[in-house]
């Protein structure tokens, strides 16, 4: 969602970091770039003005001029101001003292209210609540049926006394649902109301009547994140006409510019409580302004990643897996099990995007094919139990049979076995408390590598073999300086840093 905005901001801060001291002109140039980036992301003009004004005031003060690293201090200020326009602190749902808690969903047609009702119901169920969904959208064709299907998917009952498709009174349905919930001891009632393709008096009046009838504890305005500046106008209209208490952002995984998310909380003064970032029923999470600001500035969102991991991975299973790794008993069956656990966490792309610095690898992430897990699983499932436990027995004929059974090539099978062996070695090193050397990564100072000591010893013994004493001395001096023998610091054969041209 915030890909373009993140790229622009990252590039802007790169230019800042090369300067030891920041002048007012440097800060103004940076703010000019930030302003352009926000406007291109479709953030409301009033929000952009307020944001850049706050950043400028703080950046020109003692906070930056006295900082040891002024560029880093400016990034910190931008981060803190982003958190403020996103709502400041995280806002949680308000629950009624005497159940049931009534949550009313409002918004335009196509914003994803019905699907979001199911996601919210599942989230509440996971929190130990007993929710019920109410089909009060009686205008849109098959809206009642859609909510019933969603309810079945999340195993939450649906109160739907009317067939919909223009038949029935939505206000009465909402009223009756509260009585039904009290009788059946449901702790939360989620009322799915009708939407229109645009804001109109009939929509507002019906939503206002339902609110008056059920007296909800929360009125959540569901907004499509891809609406841009229009989202702000719609949010204002709903706040004035119905009176909203919070906002839910949908379609955060889209490729739009994301201005709605950065505008709606600041303009309406109502907090963003939840965000939906995918089509899956689990693609739903509480909204944390500080974590979203970190994602936008490419600082990652490690806390959310840890929370998702804790929900998916069983602690006892993880301990057992660590013991297997330490004993060198990790098999292809375990490898497949780990991949299945990763799949339960949701999209690998979204998980990788939460890592700090992945904004610089956005193209690689976009090209990442999540079906690779399916292909890997197909290959492993085509093996016999003995082959999964002992990959060393995989000879040529066995690999050909596995390739044919999985619809892949022998090269694919070979590649998987090689990747598995590398992963097993790496995980074994981690299990024993070591730091693995990732392929393609530069060797870190002090870490060493296999055979590193020998190469240094050989390097010390290595010297010039020339019979000319003067030439030998010159070559030895060049070697110690990091240059290739026979070249000077500026010659074409090398450089002062020992790097070839």
Protein backbone atom coordinates (compact mmCIF):
# COMPACT_ATOMS: atom_id res chain seq x y z
CA UNK A 1 0.00 0.00 0.00
CA UNK A 2 2.66 2.55 1.02
CA UNK A 3 5.35 1.32 -1.40
CA UNK A 4 5.79 4.55 -3.40
CA UNK A 5 5.58 6.76 -0.32
CA UNK A 6 8.16 4.64 1.50
CA UNK A 7 10.54 4.72 -1.47
CA UNK A 8 10.32 8.51 -1.74
CA UNK A 9 10.91 9.03 1.99
CA UNK A 10 13.82 6.56 2.08
CA UNK A 11 15.51 8.35 -0.85
CA UNK A 12 14.98 11.71 0.85
CA UNK A 13 16.62 10.54 4.09
CA UNK A 14 19.54 8.99 2.18
CA UNK A 15 20.51 12.47 0.99
CA UNK A 16 20.33 13.78 4.56
CA UNK A 17 22.59 11.10 6.05
CA UNK A 18 25.55 12.21 3.93
CA UNK A 19 25.63 15.58 5.75
CA UNK A 20 27.34 16.04 9.11
CA UNK A 21 25.48 19.26 9.93
CA UNK A 22 22.07 20.39 8.68
CA UNK A 23 21.39 23.97 7.62
CA UNK A 24 17.87 25.50 7.41
CA UNK A 25 18.19 25.13 3.60
CA UNK A 26 18.83 21.37 3.98
CA UNK A 27 15.76 20.99 6.19
CA UNK A 28 13.57 23.02 3.80
CA UNK A 29 14.73 20.90 0.84
CA UNK A 30 13.95 17.71 2.80
CA UNK A 31 10.50 18.99 3.79
CA UNK A 32 9.79 19.93 0.18
CA UNK A 33 10.46 16.33 -0.87
CA UNK A 34 8.36 14.97 2.02
CA UNK A 35 5.48 17.30 1.06
CA UNK A 36 5.60 16.09 -2.55
CA UNK A 37 5.71 12.46 -1.45
CA UNK A 38 2.66 12.89 0.82
CA UNK A 39 0.63 14.76 -1.80
CA UNK A 40 1.45 12.12 -4.41
CA UNK A 41 0.25 9.50 -1.89
CA UNK A 42 -3.13 11.33 -1.93
CA UNK A 43 -2.89 12.56 1.66
CA UNK A 44 -5.33 15.42 2.41
CA UNK A 45 -3.76 18.86 1.90
CA UNK A 46 -4.66 20.11 5.41
CA UNK A 47 -2.96 17.06 6.92
CA UNK A 48 0.18 17.60 4.81
CA UNK A 49 0.39 21.26 5.86
CA UNK A 50 0.00 20.46 9.54
CA UNK A 51 2.49 17.58 9.34
CA UNK A 52 5.27 19.47 7.52
CA UNK A 53 4.72 22.51 9.77
CA UNK A 54 5.25 20.43 12.93
CA UNK A 55 8.31 18.68 11.48
CA UNK A 56 9.86 22.00 10.37
CA UNK A 57 9.34 23.66 13.76
CA UNK A 58 10.99 20.75 15.59
CA UNK A 59 13.76 20.25 13.00
CA UNK A 60 14.87 23.91 13.22
CA UNK A 61 14.98 23.80 17.03
CA UNK A 62 17.66 22.70 19.48
CA UNK A 63 16.42 19.10 19.19
CA UNK A 64 18.30 18.72 15.88
CA UNK A 65 21.03 21.37 16.06
CA UNK A 66 22.46 19.86 19.27
CA UNK A 67 22.07 16.22 18.20
CA UNK A 68 25.17 14.10 17.59
CA UNK A 69 23.50 12.70 14.46
CA UNK A 70 21.17 15.42 13.14
CA UNK A 71 19.98 13.41 10.10
CA UNK A 72 18.92 10.52 12.34
CA UNK A 73 17.15 12.99 14.63
CA UNK A 74 15.12 14.34 11.69
CA UNK A 75 14.07 10.78 10.78
CA UNK A 76 12.99 10.28 14.40
CA UNK A 77 10.94 13.50 14.31
CA UNK A 78 9.23 12.44 11.06
CA UNK A 79 8.47 9.04 12.63
CA UNK A 80 6.93 10.63 15.75
CA UNK A 81 4.82 13.08 13.70
CA UNK A 82 3.63 10.24 11.45
CA UNK A 83 2.48 8.37 14.57
CA UNK A 84 0.51 11.47 15.61
CA UNK A 85 -1.36 11.89 12.31
CA UNK A 86 -2.15 8.15 12.37
CA UNK A 87 -3.88 8.60 15.72
CA UNK A 88 -1.17 8.61 18.38
CA UNK A 89 -1.72 5.72 20.78
CA UNK A 90 -3.51 2.50 19.88
CA UNK A 91 -7.25 2.57 20.61
CA UNK A 92 -9.01 -0.59 21.77
CA UNK A 93 -12.65 -1.58 21.44
CA UNK A 94 -15.01 -0.36 24.15
CA UNK A 95 -16.93 -3.25 25.71
CA UNK A 96 -20.24 -2.83 27.56
CA UNK A 97 -20.30 -3.31 31.34
CA UNK A 98 -23.40 -5.44 30.91
CA UNK A 99 -23.30 -7.70 27.82
CA UNK A 100 -24.01 -7.79 25.01
CA UNK A 101 -21.57 -5.27 23.53
CA UNK A 102 -23.13 -3.86 20.34
CA UNK A 103 -20.84 -3.00 17.41
CA UNK A 104 -22.42 -1.33 14.38
CA UNK A 105 -20.59 -1.32 11.03
CA UNK A 106 -21.23 1.55 8.60
CA UNK A 107 -19.73 2.57 5.28
CA UNK A 108 -20.16 2.72 1.52
CA UNK A 109 -21.07 -0.29 -0.60
CA UNK A 110 -17.96 -2.11 -1.78
CA UNK A 111 -15.84 -1.10 1.23
CA UNK A 112 -15.86 -4.71 2.44
CA UNK A 113 -18.22 -4.42 5.46
CA UNK A 114 -19.73 -7.91 5.21
CA UNK A 115 -16.39 -9.72 4.90
CA UNK A 116 -14.95 -7.53 7.62
CA UNK A 117 -17.88 -8.43 9.91
CA UNK A 118 -16.75 -12.07 9.66
CA UNK A 119 -13.10 -11.17 10.28
CA UNK A 120 -14.05 -9.12 13.34
CA UNK A 121 -16.26 -11.96 14.63
CA UNK A 122 -13.40 -14.44 14.31
CA UNK A 123 -10.96 -12.08 16.03
CA UNK A 124 -13.41 -11.57 18.92
CA UNK A 125 -13.96 -15.33 19.14
CA UNK A 126 -10.19 -15.83 19.42
CA UNK A 127 -10.24 -13.29 22.29
CA UNK A 128 -12.70 -15.48 24.21
CA UNK A 129 -15.90 -13.63 23.23
CA UNK A 130 -19.11 -15.23 21.89
CA UNK A 131 -20.16 -13.01 18.95
CA UNK A 132 -23.26 -13.11 16.75
CA UNK A 133 -23.58 -11.50 13.29
CA UNK A 134 -26.73 -9.55 12.37
CA UNK A 135 -27.89 -9.29 8.74
CA UNK A 136 -29.34 -5.75 8.70
CA UNK A 137 -28.30 -5.07 5.08
CA UNK A 138 -31.61 -5.89 3.38
CA UNK A 139 -31.08 -3.79 0.23
CA UNK A 140 -28.06 -5.21 -1.56
CA UNK A 141 -28.81 -8.39 -3.56
CA UNK A 142 -27.74 -11.56 -1.68
CA UNK A 143 -26.20 -9.54 1.17
CA UNK A 144 -27.96 -11.73 3.76
CA UNK A 145 -26.81 -14.91 2.03
CA UNK A 146 -23.22 -13.58 1.84
CA UNK A 147 -23.17 -12.87 5.58
CA UNK A 148 -24.48 -16.39 6.28
CA UNK A 149 -21.67 -17.88 4.17
CA UNK A 150 -19.10 -15.73 6.00
CA UNK A 151 -20.62 -16.81 9.34
CA UNK A 152 -20.23 -20.48 8.40
CA UNK A 153 -16.57 -19.92 7.47
CA UNK A 154 -15.75 -18.47 10.89
CA UNK A 155 -18.20 -20.73 12.77
CA UNK A 156 -20.21 -17.79 14.17
CA UNK A 157 -24.06 -17.79 14.18
CA UNK A 158 -25.96 -15.26 12.04
CA UNK A 159 -29.25 -13.61 13.04
CA UNK A 160 -31.16 -13.26 9.75
CA UNK A 161 -34.97 -13.29 10.20
CA UNK A 162 -35.54 -11.50 6.85
CA UNK A 163 -34.50 -12.78 3.38
CA UNK A 164 -33.26 -9.35 2.22
CA UNK A 165 -33.15 -8.37 -1.48
CA UNK A 166 -35.37 -5.38 -0.64
CA UNK A 167 -37.65 -7.29 1.77
CA UNK A 168 -37.81 -6.49 5.51
CA UNK A 169 -37.22 -3.65 7.96
CA UNK A 170 -33.52 -3.33 8.90
CA UNK A 171 -34.26 -1.24 12.02
CA UNK A 172 -36.58 -3.94 13.42
CA UNK A 173 -34.06 -6.68 12.59
CA UNK A 174 -31.36 -4.77 14.51
CA UNK A 175 -33.70 -4.24 17.49
CA UNK A 176 -34.76 -7.89 17.60
CA UNK A 177 -31.13 -9.05 17.41
CA UNK A 178 -30.36 -7.43 20.80
CA UNK A 179 -33.23 -9.33 22.46
CA UNK A 180 -32.10 -12.56 20.78
CA UNK A 181 -28.49 -12.02 21.92
CA UNK A 182 -29.58 -11.48 25.54
CA UNK A 183 -31.72 -14.63 25.50
CA UNK A 184 -28.95 -16.78 23.99
CA UNK A 185 -26.17 -15.19 26.11
CA UNK A 186 -24.05 -13.81 23.25
CA UNK A 187 -21.41 -11.37 24.48
CA UNK A 188 -21.01 -9.29 21.29
CA UNK A 189 -23.52 -8.30 18.58
CA UNK A 190 -22.05 -7.19 15.22
CA UNK A 191 -24.63 -5.37 13.08
CA UNK A 192 -23.87 -5.33 9.34
CA UNK A 193 -25.75 -2.36 7.83
CA UNK A 194 -26.53 -1.43 4.23
CA UNK A 195 -24.21 0.69 2.11
CA UNK A 196 -24.72 2.74 -1.03
CA UNK A 197 -22.44 3.59 -3.93
CA UNK A 198 -22.31 7.15 -2.61
CA UNK A 199 -23.34 9.18 0.41
CA UNK A 200 -27.08 9.93 0.24
CA UNK A 201 -29.83 11.02 2.64
CA UNK A 202 -31.59 7.63 2.62
CA UNK A 203 -28.39 5.81 3.61
CA UNK A 204 -27.64 8.28 6.41
CA UNK A 205 -31.19 8.22 7.73
CA UNK A 206 -31.33 4.41 7.85
CA UNK A 207 -27.94 4.18 9.56
CA UNK A 208 -28.99 6.89 12.03
CA UNK A 209 -32.28 5.04 12.79
CA UNK A 210 -30.41 1.76 13.43
CA UNK A 211 -28.01 3.56 15.76
CA UNK A 212 -30.90 5.07 17.72
CA UNK A 213 -32.63 1.66 17.92
CA UNK A 214 -29.67 -0.42 19.20
CA UNK A 215 -27.59 2.24 21.05
CA UNK A 216 -24.25 0.69 20.00
CA UNK A 217 -21.11 0.79 22.13
CA UNK A 218 -19.03 1.24 18.96
CA UNK A 219 -19.94 2.59 15.52
CA UNK A 220 -17.09 1.55 13.23
CA UNK A 221 -16.75 3.30 9.90
CA UNK A 222 -15.39 0.81 7.35
CA UNK A 223 -13.37 2.61 4.69
CA UNK A 224 -11.64 1.32 1.57
CA UNK A 225 -7.97 2.39 1.82
CA UNK A 226 -7.81 2.80 -1.96
CA UNK A 227 -10.37 5.65 -2.00
CA UNK A 228 -7.72 8.30 -1.42
CA UNK A 229 -8.97 11.81 -0.59
CA UNK A 230 -12.60 10.79 -1.16
CA UNK A 231 -12.32 8.60 1.95
CA UNK A 232 -11.88 11.72 4.06
CA UNK A 233 -15.05 13.35 2.67
CA UNK A 234 -17.07 10.15 3.18
CA UNK A 235 -15.73 9.77 6.74
CA UNK A 236 -16.71 13.37 7.54
CA UNK A 237 -20.23 12.80 6.17
CA UNK A 238 -20.72 9.62 8.22
CA UNK A 239 -19.38 11.27 11.36
CA UNK A 240 -21.81 14.19 10.97
CA UNK A 241 -24.77 12.05 9.87
CA UNK A 242 -24.40 8.95 12.08
CA UNK A 243 -21.67 9.68 14.61
CA UNK A 244 -18.79 7.24 14.33
CA UNK A 245 -16.53 6.18 17.22
CA UNK A 246 -13.72 4.51 15.24
CA UNK A 247 -12.40 3.61 11.81
CA UNK A 248 -11.53 0.27 10.19
CA UNK A 249 -9.26 0.31 7.12
CA UNK A 250 -9.79 -2.39 4.48
CA UNK A 251 -7.68 -3.44 1.46
CA UNK A 252 -4.39 -2.26 2.96
CA UNK A 253 -2.70 -4.86 0.76
CA UNK A 254 -3.79 -2.98 -2.37
CA UNK A 255 -1.43 -1.05 -4.65
CA UNK A 256 -3.05 2.35 -4.17
CA UNK A 257 -1.22 5.29 -2.66
CA UNK A 258 -2.62 4.96 0.88
CA UNK A 259 -3.64 8.56 1.52
CA UNK A 260 -6.81 7.47 3.34
CA UNK A 261 -4.88 5.82 6.15
CA UNK A 262 -2.77 8.94 6.68
CA UNK A 263 -5.73 11.34 6.47
CA UNK A 264 -8.87 9.87 7.99
CA UNK A 265 -7.79 9.69 11.64
CA UNK A 266 -6.34 13.20 11.61
CA UNK A 267 -9.30 14.82 9.80
CA UNK A 268 -12.14 13.10 11.69
CA UNK A 269 -10.43 12.96 15.07
CA UNK A 270 -11.60 9.34 15.35
CA UNK A 271 -9.02 6.58 15.91
CA UNK A 272 -8.24 3.75 13.49
CA UNK A 273 -8.98 0.61 15.54
CA UNK A 274 -8.50 -2.24 13.03
CA UNK A 275 -6.92 -2.84 9.64
CA UNK A 276 -7.62 -5.56 7.08
CA UNK A 277 -4.62 -6.38 4.90
CA UNK A 278 -5.74 -9.25 2.67
CA UNK A 279 -8.62 -11.38 1.45
CA UNK A 280 -8.02 -14.21 3.94
CA UNK A 281 -10.29 -14.41 6.98
CA UNK A 282 -7.21 -14.10 9.23
CA UNK A 283 -5.90 -11.01 7.39
CA UNK A 284 -7.14 -8.74 10.15
CA UNK A 285 -5.28 -7.06 13.00
CA UNK A 286 -5.54 -4.25 15.54
CA UNK A 287 -4.12 -0.98 14.20
CA UNK A 288 -0.98 0.34 15.90
CA UNK A 289 -0.04 3.87 14.72
CA UNK A 290 3.60 3.49 15.80
CA UNK A 291 4.02 0.17 13.98
CA UNK A 292 2.41 1.54 10.79
CA UNK A 293 4.72 4.58 10.88
CA UNK A 294 7.72 2.23 11.21
CA UNK A 295 6.55 0.25 8.17
CA UNK A 296 6.18 3.43 6.10
CA UNK A 297 9.72 4.54 7.02
CA UNK A 298 11.11 1.05 6.27
CA UNK A 299 12.00 0.43 9.93
CA UNK A 300 10.02 -2.81 9.90
CA UNK A 301 7.34 -4.12 12.24
CA UNK A 302 9.07 -6.83 14.23
CA UNK A 303 6.55 -6.76 17.11
CA UNK A 304 3.64 -7.75 14.83
CA UNK A 305 5.82 -10.44 13.24
CA UNK A 306 6.62 -11.88 16.68
CA UNK A 307 2.93 -11.84 17.66
CA UNK A 308 1.94 -13.69 14.48
CA UNK A 309 4.68 -16.25 15.08
CA UNK A 310 3.59 -16.83 18.68
CA UNK A 311 0.00 -17.42 17.57
CA UNK A 312 1.03 -19.98 14.94
CA UNK A 313 3.96 -21.89 16.42
CA UNK A 314 3.51 -24.21 19.38
CA UNK A 315 6.22 -23.76 22.04
CA UNK A 316 6.53 -27.50 22.77
CA UNK A 317 6.85 -28.29 19.05
CA UNK A 318 9.50 -25.59 18.66
CA UNK A 319 11.49 -27.04 21.56
CA UNK A 320 11.28 -30.54 20.09
CA UNK A 321 12.41 -29.19 16.71
CA UNK A 322 15.40 -27.44 18.34
CA UNK A 323 16.44 -30.74 19.96
CA UNK A 324 16.21 -32.49 16.58
CA UNK A 325 18.41 -29.85 15.00
CA UNK A 326 21.01 -30.10 17.74
CA UNK A 327 21.12 -33.89 17.32
CA UNK A 328 21.36 -33.62 13.52
CA UNK A 329 18.04 -35.48 13.19
CA UNK A 330 16.28 -32.86 11.03
CA UNK A 331 14.51 -34.55 8.08
CA UNK A 332 12.58 -33.53 4.98
CA UNK A 333 9.37 -34.35 6.86
CA UNK A 334 10.32 -31.75 9.48
CA UNK A 335 11.26 -29.36 6.67
CA UNK A 336 7.77 -29.72 5.15
CA UNK A 337 6.14 -29.32 8.57
CA UNK A 338 7.99 -26.04 9.10
CA UNK A 339 6.83 -24.75 5.70
CA UNK A 340 3.22 -25.63 6.55
CA UNK A 341 3.57 -23.70 9.82
CA UNK A 342 4.85 -20.70 7.85
CA UNK A 343 1.86 -20.94 5.52
CA UNK A 344 -0.51 -20.74 8.51
CA UNK A 345 0.99 -17.37 9.37
CA UNK A 346 -0.36 -15.94 6.10
CA UNK A 347 1.36 -14.35 3.14
CA UNK A 348 5.14 -14.75 3.15
CA UNK A 349 5.40 -11.49 1.23
CA UNK A 350 3.61 -9.58 3.99
CA UNK A 351 5.78 -11.25 6.65
CA UNK A 352 9.00 -10.41 4.82
CA UNK A 353 7.77 -6.83 4.35
CA UNK A 354 7.71 -6.46 8.16
CA UNK A 355 11.48 -6.92 8.35
CA UNK A 356 13.53 -3.69 8.69
CA UNK A 357 15.19 -2.57 5.45
CA UNK A 358 13.07 -4.69 3.09
CA UNK A 359 11.88 -1.53 1.33
CA UNK A 360 15.16 -1.61 -0.56
CA UNK A 361 14.27 -5.12 -1.80
CA UNK A 362 10.72 -4.29 -2.90
CA UNK A 363 11.28 -5.48 -6.49
CA UNK A 364 12.54 -8.88 -5.26
CA UNK A 365 9.54 -9.13 -2.92
CA UNK A 366 7.13 -8.31 -5.74
CA UNK A 367 8.71 -11.04 -7.89
CA UNK A 368 8.59 -13.59 -5.06
CA UNK A 369 6.35 -16.54 -6.02
CA UNK A 370 4.46 -17.89 -2.99
CA UNK A 371 3.53 -21.03 -4.94
CA UNK A 372 7.11 -22.21 -4.44
CA UNK A 373 5.95 -23.78 -1.15
CA UNK A 374 3.31 -25.81 -3.03
CA UNK A 375 5.95 -27.08 -5.48
CA UNK A 376 8.32 -27.99 -2.65
CA UNK A 377 5.55 -29.82 -0.82
CA UNK A 378 4.63 -31.74 -4.00
CA UNK A 379 8.22 -32.97 -4.37
CA UNK A 380 8.49 -34.07 -0.72
CA UNK A 381 5.09 -35.83 -0.84
CA UNK A 382 6.29 -37.79 -3.89
CA UNK A 383 9.05 -39.35 -1.77
CA UNK A 384 8.75 -42.52 0.32
CA UNK A 385 8.94 -42.14 4.14
CA UNK A 386 12.47 -43.62 4.03
CA UNK A 387 13.59 -41.05 1.43
CA UNK A 388 12.20 -38.17 3.50
CA UNK A 389 14.05 -39.38 6.59
CA UNK A 390 17.30 -40.17 4.74
CA UNK A 391 17.81 -37.87 1.71
CA UNK A 392 21.28 -39.42 1.22
CA UNK A 393 19.68 -42.52 -0.39
CA UNK A 394 18.27 -40.41 -3.23
CA UNK A 395 20.12 -41.76 -6.27
CA UNK A 396 19.47 -40.86 -9.91
CA UNK A 397 16.59 -43.27 -10.52
CA UNK A 398 14.81 -42.27 -7.29
CA UNK A 399 15.11 -38.58 -8.18
CA UNK A 400 13.70 -39.24 -11.66
CA UNK A 401 10.73 -41.08 -10.13
CA UNK A 402 10.10 -38.23 -7.63
CA UNK A 403 10.28 -35.64 -10.42
CA UNK A 404 7.74 -37.56 -12.50
CA UNK A 405 5.41 -38.06 -9.52
CA UNK A 406 5.42 -34.39 -8.56
CA UNK A 407 5.22 -32.98 -12.08
CA UNK A 408 8.59 -31.29 -11.67
CA UNK A 409 12.04 -31.83 -13.21
CA UNK A 410 15.05 -33.69 -11.82
CA UNK A 411 16.80 -30.31 -11.60
CA UNK A 412 14.00 -29.09 -9.30
CA UNK A 413 14.42 -32.15 -7.08
CA UNK A 414 18.20 -31.66 -6.95
CA UNK A 415 17.73 -27.99 -6.10
CA UNK A 416 15.34 -28.84 -3.24
CA UNK A 417 17.72 -31.43 -1.75
CA UNK A 418 20.60 -28.93 -1.91
CA UNK A 419 18.49 -26.19 -0.29
CA UNK A 420 17.39 -28.60 2.43
CA UNK A 421 20.99 -29.59 3.22
CA UNK A 422 22.04 -25.92 3.42
CA UNK A 423 19.03 -25.06 5.61
CA UNK A 424 19.70 -28.03 7.92
CA UNK A 425 23.34 -26.96 8.38
CA UNK A 426 22.35 -23.36 9.02
CA UNK A 427 19.61 -24.29 11.51
CA UNK A 428 21.93 -26.70 13.29
CA UNK A 429 24.46 -23.87 13.72
CA UNK A 430 21.73 -21.61 15.16
CA UNK A 431 20.47 -24.39 17.47
CA UNK A 432 23.98 -24.70 18.92
CA UNK A 433 24.19 -20.96 19.52
CA UNK A 434 26.33 -20.11 16.50
CA UNK A 435 25.87 -17.46 13.82
CA UNK A 436 25.38 -18.96 10.35
CA UNK A 437 27.01 -17.42 7.29
CA UNK A 438 24.24 -16.73 4.79
CA UNK A 439 25.11 -17.41 1.13
CA UNK A 440 25.99 -14.20 -0.66
CA UNK A 441 26.44 -12.22 2.54
CA UNK A 442 29.77 -10.52 3.25
CA UNK A 443 31.81 -12.12 6.01
CA UNK A 444 31.48 -10.09 9.20
CA UNK A 445 34.70 -9.09 11.00
CA UNK A 446 35.56 -11.39 13.87
CA UNK A 447 33.13 -14.11 12.79
CA UNK A 448 35.57 -16.07 10.70
CA UNK A 449 34.62 -18.76 8.21
CA UNK A 450 35.48 -22.39 7.59
CA UNK A 451 39.13 -22.53 6.54
CA UNK A 452 39.58 -18.82 7.32
CA UNK A 453 42.63 -19.40 9.51
CA UNK A 454 44.44 -21.42 6.84
CA UNK A 455 43.92 -18.79 4.20
CA UNK A 456 45.43 -16.13 6.46
CA UNK A 457 48.41 -18.33 7.23
CA UNK A 458 48.97 -18.91 3.53
CA UNK A 459 48.65 -15.19 2.91
CA UNK A 460 51.40 -14.42 5.42
CA UNK A 461 53.78 -16.89 3.78
CA UNK A 462 52.96 -15.63 0.32
CA UNK A 463 55.48 -13.09 -1.00
CA UNK A 464 57.14 -11.93 -4.17
CA UNK A 465 59.07 -14.57 -6.11
CA UNK A 466 61.00 -12.10 -8.25
CA UNK A 467 64.80 -12.54 -8.39
CA UNK A 468 65.26 -8.75 -8.62
CA UNK A 469 65.61 -7.43 -5.01
CA UNK A 470 64.24 -3.95 -5.89
CA UNK A 471 61.28 -5.40 -7.80
CA UNK A 472 60.67 -7.94 -5.01
CA UNK A 473 60.60 -5.13 -2.39
CA UNK A 474 58.20 -3.04 -4.52
CA UNK A 475 55.86 -6.01 -5.09
CA UNK A 476 55.89 -6.86 -1.37
CA UNK A 477 55.06 -3.25 -0.46
CA UNK A 478 52.22 -3.24 -3.03
CA UNK A 479 50.85 -6.52 -1.65
CA UNK A 480 50.85 -5.22 1.93
CA UNK A 481 49.10 -2.03 0.73
CA UNK A 482 46.34 -4.16 -0.82
CA UNK A 483 47.38 -3.58 -4.45
CA UNK A 484 48.11 -6.22 -7.03
CA UNK A 485 51.81 -6.69 -7.72
CA UNK A 486 52.90 -4.66 -10.69
CA UNK A 487 50.36 -1.88 -10.22
CA UNK A 488 50.27 1.39 -8.31
CA UNK A 489 47.46 2.88 -6.24
CA UNK A 490 45.96 4.56 -9.29
CA UNK A 491 46.78 1.97 -11.92
CA UNK A 492 44.24 0.07 -13.96
CA UNK A 493 45.13 -3.27 -12.41
CA UNK A 494 43.84 -2.34 -8.96
CA UNK A 495 42.90 0.40 -6.56
CA UNK A 496 43.93 1.76 -3.20
CA UNK A 497 41.32 -0.55 -1.61
CA UNK A 498 42.47 -3.66 -3.40
CA UNK A 499 39.40 -3.68 -5.67
CA UNK A 500 39.70 -4.30 -9.38
CA UNK A 501 38.09 -1.87 -11.85
